[in-house]
N, C-alpha and C. Protein backbone atom coordinates (compact mmCIF):
# COMPACT_ATOMS: atom_id res chain seq x y z
N MET A 1 41.53 142.02 61.92
CA MET A 1 41.80 140.77 62.51
C MET A 1 43.24 140.36 62.35
N GLY A 2 43.85 140.78 61.32
CA GLY A 2 45.24 140.47 61.06
C GLY A 2 46.13 141.08 62.11
N ALA A 3 45.81 142.29 62.57
CA ALA A 3 46.63 142.95 63.57
C ALA A 3 46.50 142.27 64.92
N GLY A 4 45.29 141.78 65.24
CA GLY A 4 45.06 141.08 66.51
C GLY A 4 45.81 139.77 66.56
N ARG A 5 45.82 139.07 65.40
CA ARG A 5 46.55 137.80 65.34
C ARG A 5 48.04 138.02 65.47
N ALA A 6 48.53 139.05 64.84
CA ALA A 6 49.95 139.34 64.90
C ALA A 6 50.34 139.67 66.33
N LEU A 7 49.48 140.41 67.03
CA LEU A 7 49.78 140.75 68.41
C LEU A 7 49.72 139.51 69.28
N ALA A 8 48.75 138.64 69.04
CA ALA A 8 48.62 137.42 69.83
C ALA A 8 49.79 136.49 69.56
N SER A 9 50.20 136.37 68.31
CA SER A 9 51.32 135.49 68.00
C SER A 9 52.62 136.08 68.53
N ALA A 10 52.74 137.41 68.55
CA ALA A 10 53.93 138.04 69.11
C ALA A 10 53.98 137.81 70.61
N ALA A 11 52.83 137.87 71.25
CA ALA A 11 52.77 137.62 72.68
C ALA A 11 53.10 136.16 72.97
N LEU A 12 52.62 135.28 72.11
CA LEU A 12 52.88 133.85 72.29
C LEU A 12 54.37 133.55 72.10
N VAL A 13 54.97 134.18 71.10
CA VAL A 13 56.39 133.97 70.84
C VAL A 13 57.22 134.50 72.00
N SER A 14 56.89 135.67 72.49
CA SER A 14 57.68 136.22 73.59
C SER A 14 57.45 135.42 74.86
N TYR A 15 56.31 134.83 75.01
CA TYR A 15 56.02 134.01 76.18
C TYR A 15 56.80 132.70 76.12
N GLN A 16 57.02 132.14 74.92
CA GLN A 16 57.69 130.86 74.79
C GLN A 16 59.21 130.97 74.77
N GLN A 17 59.73 132.16 74.61
CA GLN A 17 61.17 132.29 74.60
C GLN A 17 61.73 131.94 75.98
N PRO A 18 62.74 131.10 75.95
CA PRO A 18 63.25 130.66 77.26
C PRO A 18 64.02 131.79 77.94
N ALA A 19 63.84 131.87 79.21
CA ALA A 19 64.57 132.85 80.00
C ALA A 19 65.94 132.27 80.32
N ILE A 20 66.90 133.11 80.56
CA ILE A 20 68.23 132.63 80.93
C ILE A 20 68.14 132.00 82.31
N PRO A 21 68.51 130.73 82.40
CA PRO A 21 68.36 130.07 83.72
C PRO A 21 69.39 130.61 84.71
N ALA A 22 68.99 130.65 85.93
CA ALA A 22 69.89 131.09 86.99
C ALA A 22 70.96 130.01 87.18
N PRO A 23 72.19 130.41 87.43
CA PRO A 23 73.23 129.39 87.62
C PRO A 23 72.91 128.53 88.84
N ARG A 24 73.08 127.21 88.63
CA ARG A 24 72.78 126.28 89.74
C ARG A 24 73.96 126.24 90.70
N ARG A 25 73.65 126.08 91.94
CA ARG A 25 74.71 125.95 92.94
C ARG A 25 75.23 124.52 92.91
N THR A 26 76.52 124.37 92.99
CA THR A 26 77.12 123.04 93.01
C THR A 26 76.97 122.45 94.40
N SER A 27 76.50 121.23 94.43
CA SER A 27 76.29 120.55 95.70
C SER A 27 77.65 120.22 96.34
N PRO A 28 77.77 120.36 97.64
CA PRO A 28 79.03 119.99 98.31
C PRO A 28 79.37 118.51 98.11
N LEU A 29 78.35 117.68 97.97
CA LEU A 29 78.61 116.26 97.73
C LEU A 29 79.25 116.04 96.37
N ARG A 30 78.85 116.83 95.39
CA ARG A 30 79.47 116.71 94.06
C ARG A 30 80.93 117.15 94.11
N VAL A 31 81.21 118.20 94.86
CA VAL A 31 82.58 118.65 95.02
C VAL A 31 83.41 117.57 95.70
N LEU A 32 82.87 116.98 96.74
CA LEU A 32 83.55 115.91 97.47
C LEU A 32 83.78 114.70 96.57
N ALA A 33 82.79 114.35 95.76
CA ALA A 33 82.93 113.23 94.84
C ALA A 33 84.02 113.53 93.80
N GLY A 34 84.08 114.75 93.33
CA GLY A 34 85.13 115.13 92.38
C GLY A 34 86.51 115.03 92.99
N ILE A 35 86.64 115.50 94.22
CA ILE A 35 87.93 115.41 94.91
C ILE A 35 88.32 113.95 95.12
N ALA A 36 87.34 113.12 95.47
CA ALA A 36 87.62 111.69 95.67
C ALA A 36 88.07 111.04 94.37
N CYS A 37 87.45 111.40 93.26
CA CYS A 37 87.85 110.84 91.96
C CYS A 37 89.28 111.25 91.62
N ILE A 38 89.61 112.50 91.86
CA ILE A 38 90.97 112.97 91.58
C ILE A 38 91.97 112.24 92.48
N ALA A 39 91.61 112.04 93.75
CA ALA A 39 92.50 111.34 94.68
C ALA A 39 92.73 109.90 94.24
N VAL A 40 91.69 109.25 93.75
CA VAL A 40 91.84 107.86 93.28
C VAL A 40 92.74 107.81 92.06
N ILE A 41 92.60 108.75 91.16
CA ILE A 41 93.45 108.79 89.96
C ILE A 41 94.91 109.01 90.36
N VAL A 42 95.14 109.96 91.25
CA VAL A 42 96.52 110.24 91.69
C VAL A 42 97.11 109.01 92.39
N ALA A 43 96.32 108.35 93.23
CA ALA A 43 96.82 107.16 93.93
C ALA A 43 97.13 106.03 92.95
N SER A 44 96.30 105.85 91.94
CA SER A 44 96.56 104.78 90.98
C SER A 44 97.81 105.06 90.16
N VAL A 45 98.05 106.33 89.82
CA VAL A 45 99.28 106.68 89.10
C VAL A 45 100.49 106.44 90.00
N ALA A 46 100.39 106.79 91.27
CA ALA A 46 101.50 106.59 92.20
C ALA A 46 101.81 105.11 92.37
N VAL A 47 100.78 104.28 92.49
CA VAL A 47 100.99 102.83 92.63
C VAL A 47 101.62 102.27 91.37
N THR A 48 101.20 102.74 90.21
CA THR A 48 101.77 102.26 88.96
C THR A 48 103.24 102.63 88.86
N VAL A 49 103.58 103.85 89.21
CA VAL A 49 104.99 104.28 89.17
C VAL A 49 105.82 103.46 90.15
N LEU A 50 105.29 103.24 91.34
CA LEU A 50 106.00 102.44 92.34
C LEU A 50 106.20 101.01 91.86
N ALA A 51 105.18 100.43 91.25
CA ALA A 51 105.30 99.06 90.75
C ALA A 51 106.35 98.98 89.65
N VAL A 52 106.37 99.95 88.77
CA VAL A 52 107.35 99.95 87.69
C VAL A 52 108.77 100.05 88.25
N LYS A 53 108.94 100.82 89.31
CA LYS A 53 110.27 100.96 89.92
C LYS A 53 110.66 99.71 90.70
N LEU A 54 109.69 99.00 91.28
CA LEU A 54 109.99 97.85 92.13
C LEU A 54 110.19 96.56 91.34
N ILE A 55 109.70 96.48 90.13
CA ILE A 55 109.82 95.25 89.35
C ILE A 55 111.28 94.84 89.16
N PRO A 56 112.18 95.75 88.79
CA PRO A 56 113.59 95.33 88.67
C PRO A 56 114.21 94.92 90.01
N MET A 57 113.70 95.47 91.10
CA MET A 57 114.27 95.15 92.41
C MET A 57 113.91 93.74 92.86
N THR A 58 112.88 93.14 92.30
CA THR A 58 112.50 91.79 92.74
C THR A 58 113.58 90.79 92.38
N SER A 59 114.26 90.98 91.26
CA SER A 59 115.33 90.05 90.91
C SER A 59 116.50 90.21 91.88
N ASP A 60 116.77 91.45 92.33
CA ASP A 60 117.82 91.67 93.33
C ASP A 60 117.46 90.99 94.64
N ALA A 61 116.21 91.09 95.04
CA ALA A 61 115.76 90.47 96.28
C ALA A 61 115.85 88.95 96.16
N GLN A 62 115.47 88.41 95.02
CA GLN A 62 115.55 86.96 94.81
C GLN A 62 117.00 86.50 94.87
N ARG A 63 117.90 87.28 94.28
CA ARG A 63 119.32 86.94 94.31
C ARG A 63 119.83 86.94 95.75
N ALA A 64 119.39 87.92 96.55
CA ALA A 64 119.81 87.99 97.96
C ALA A 64 119.29 86.79 98.74
N VAL A 65 118.05 86.38 98.48
CA VAL A 65 117.48 85.21 99.15
C VAL A 65 118.26 83.96 98.76
N ASP A 66 118.59 83.83 97.49
CA ASP A 66 119.36 82.67 97.04
C ASP A 66 120.74 82.64 97.69
N ASP A 67 121.39 83.80 97.78
CA ASP A 67 122.71 83.86 98.42
C ASP A 67 122.62 83.48 99.90
N ALA A 68 121.59 83.97 100.57
CA ALA A 68 121.42 83.64 101.99
C ALA A 68 121.16 82.15 102.18
N SER A 69 120.38 81.58 101.29
CA SER A 69 120.10 80.14 101.37
C SER A 69 121.37 79.32 101.15
N THR A 70 122.17 79.74 100.18
CA THR A 70 123.43 79.04 99.91
C THR A 70 124.36 79.14 101.12
N SER A 71 124.44 80.32 101.72
CA SER A 71 125.29 80.51 102.90
C SER A 71 124.81 79.65 104.06
N ALA A 72 123.51 79.57 104.24
CA ALA A 72 122.97 78.75 105.33
C ALA A 72 123.28 77.27 105.12
N ARG A 73 123.16 76.80 103.88
CA ARG A 73 123.49 75.40 103.60
C ARG A 73 124.97 75.14 103.84
N ARG A 74 125.82 76.08 103.43
CA ARG A 74 127.27 75.93 103.62
C ARG A 74 127.59 75.89 105.11
N LEU A 75 126.97 76.77 105.89
CA LEU A 75 127.20 76.81 107.33
C LEU A 75 126.71 75.52 107.98
N ASP A 76 125.58 75.00 107.52
CA ASP A 76 125.05 73.76 108.06
C ASP A 76 126.02 72.61 107.81
N ARG A 77 126.57 72.55 106.59
CA ARG A 77 127.54 71.48 106.27
C ARG A 77 128.78 71.61 107.14
N ARG A 78 129.26 72.83 107.33
CA ARG A 78 130.47 73.02 108.14
C ARG A 78 130.22 72.67 109.61
N SER A 79 129.03 73.03 110.10
CA SER A 79 128.75 72.68 111.50
C SER A 79 128.60 71.17 111.66
N ARG A 80 128.07 70.49 110.65
CA ARG A 80 127.99 69.03 110.70
C ARG A 80 129.38 68.42 110.72
N ASP A 81 130.30 69.03 109.98
CA ASP A 81 131.67 68.54 109.96
C ASP A 81 132.35 68.73 111.31
N LEU A 82 131.90 69.72 112.07
CA LEU A 82 132.50 69.99 113.37
C LEU A 82 131.90 69.16 114.51
N GLN A 83 130.79 68.51 114.28
CA GLN A 83 130.13 67.76 115.36
C GLN A 83 131.05 66.71 115.99
N PRO A 84 131.77 65.89 115.22
CA PRO A 84 132.65 64.91 115.88
C PRO A 84 133.74 65.58 116.73
N THR A 85 134.28 66.69 116.26
CA THR A 85 135.31 67.40 117.02
C THR A 85 134.74 67.96 118.30
N ILE A 86 133.53 68.50 118.24
CA ILE A 86 132.88 69.05 119.44
C ILE A 86 132.65 67.94 120.45
N ARG A 87 132.21 66.76 119.98
CA ARG A 87 132.00 65.62 120.88
C ARG A 87 133.31 65.22 121.57
N GLU A 88 134.37 65.18 120.80
CA GLU A 88 135.67 64.80 121.36
C GLU A 88 136.12 65.80 122.42
N LEU A 89 135.91 67.10 122.15
CA LEU A 89 136.30 68.11 123.13
C LEU A 89 135.47 68.00 124.40
N ARG A 90 134.19 67.72 124.29
CA ARG A 90 133.34 67.55 125.48
C ARG A 90 133.79 66.32 126.28
N ASP A 91 134.08 65.26 125.55
CA ASP A 91 134.53 64.05 126.25
C ASP A 91 135.85 64.32 126.98
N ALA A 92 136.75 65.06 126.33
CA ALA A 92 138.02 65.38 126.96
C ALA A 92 137.80 66.26 128.18
N ALA A 93 136.88 67.22 128.10
CA ALA A 93 136.59 68.09 129.25
C ALA A 93 136.01 67.27 130.39
N ARG A 94 135.14 66.33 130.10
CA ARG A 94 134.58 65.47 131.17
C ARG A 94 135.67 64.61 131.81
N ALA A 95 136.57 64.11 130.97
CA ALA A 95 137.65 63.28 131.50
C ALA A 95 138.54 64.11 132.42
N LEU A 96 138.82 65.35 132.02
CA LEU A 96 139.64 66.21 132.88
C LEU A 96 138.92 66.54 134.18
N GLN A 97 137.62 66.73 134.12
CA GLN A 97 136.85 67.03 135.32
C GLN A 97 136.81 65.82 136.25
N SER A 98 136.77 64.62 135.70
CA SER A 98 136.73 63.43 136.54
C SER A 98 138.10 63.21 137.20
N VAL A 99 139.19 63.63 136.55
CA VAL A 99 140.52 63.49 137.13
C VAL A 99 140.71 64.53 138.24
N ASN A 100 140.23 65.76 138.01
CA ASN A 100 140.40 66.83 139.00
C ASN A 100 139.03 67.47 139.24
N PRO A 101 138.19 66.90 140.12
CA PRO A 101 136.82 67.41 140.32
C PRO A 101 136.78 68.82 140.92
N ALA A 102 137.79 69.31 141.54
CA ALA A 102 137.79 70.64 142.15
C ALA A 102 137.90 71.73 141.08
N ALA A 103 138.39 71.42 139.91
CA ALA A 103 138.58 72.43 138.86
C ALA A 103 137.36 72.44 137.93
N GLY A 104 136.21 72.75 138.46
CA GLY A 104 134.97 72.79 137.66
C GLY A 104 134.90 74.03 136.79
N PRO A 105 133.90 74.12 135.94
CA PRO A 105 133.78 75.28 135.04
C PRO A 105 133.44 76.56 135.74
């Protein structure tokens, strides 16, 4: 009986030993998901690098906007200073046209 049990337990042990599983095929969707994850990581790194490079440029842009605003205010003041002179020149041109109506513009 001992030999029969040994044979039965040997058969049971060999039956329970796991077989080497066949390699699973990778799903195309998993490959696509992996590529998408890598693309997102690369894009986030690119955006971070771009942001780091652009941060110092914002002060330059702000300085340019301030300079343009100052120039516009200066030009506005100068044009306001010229308004009386422009009026006088128009009045003089009308007076000359009324004296000599044939010499129109």
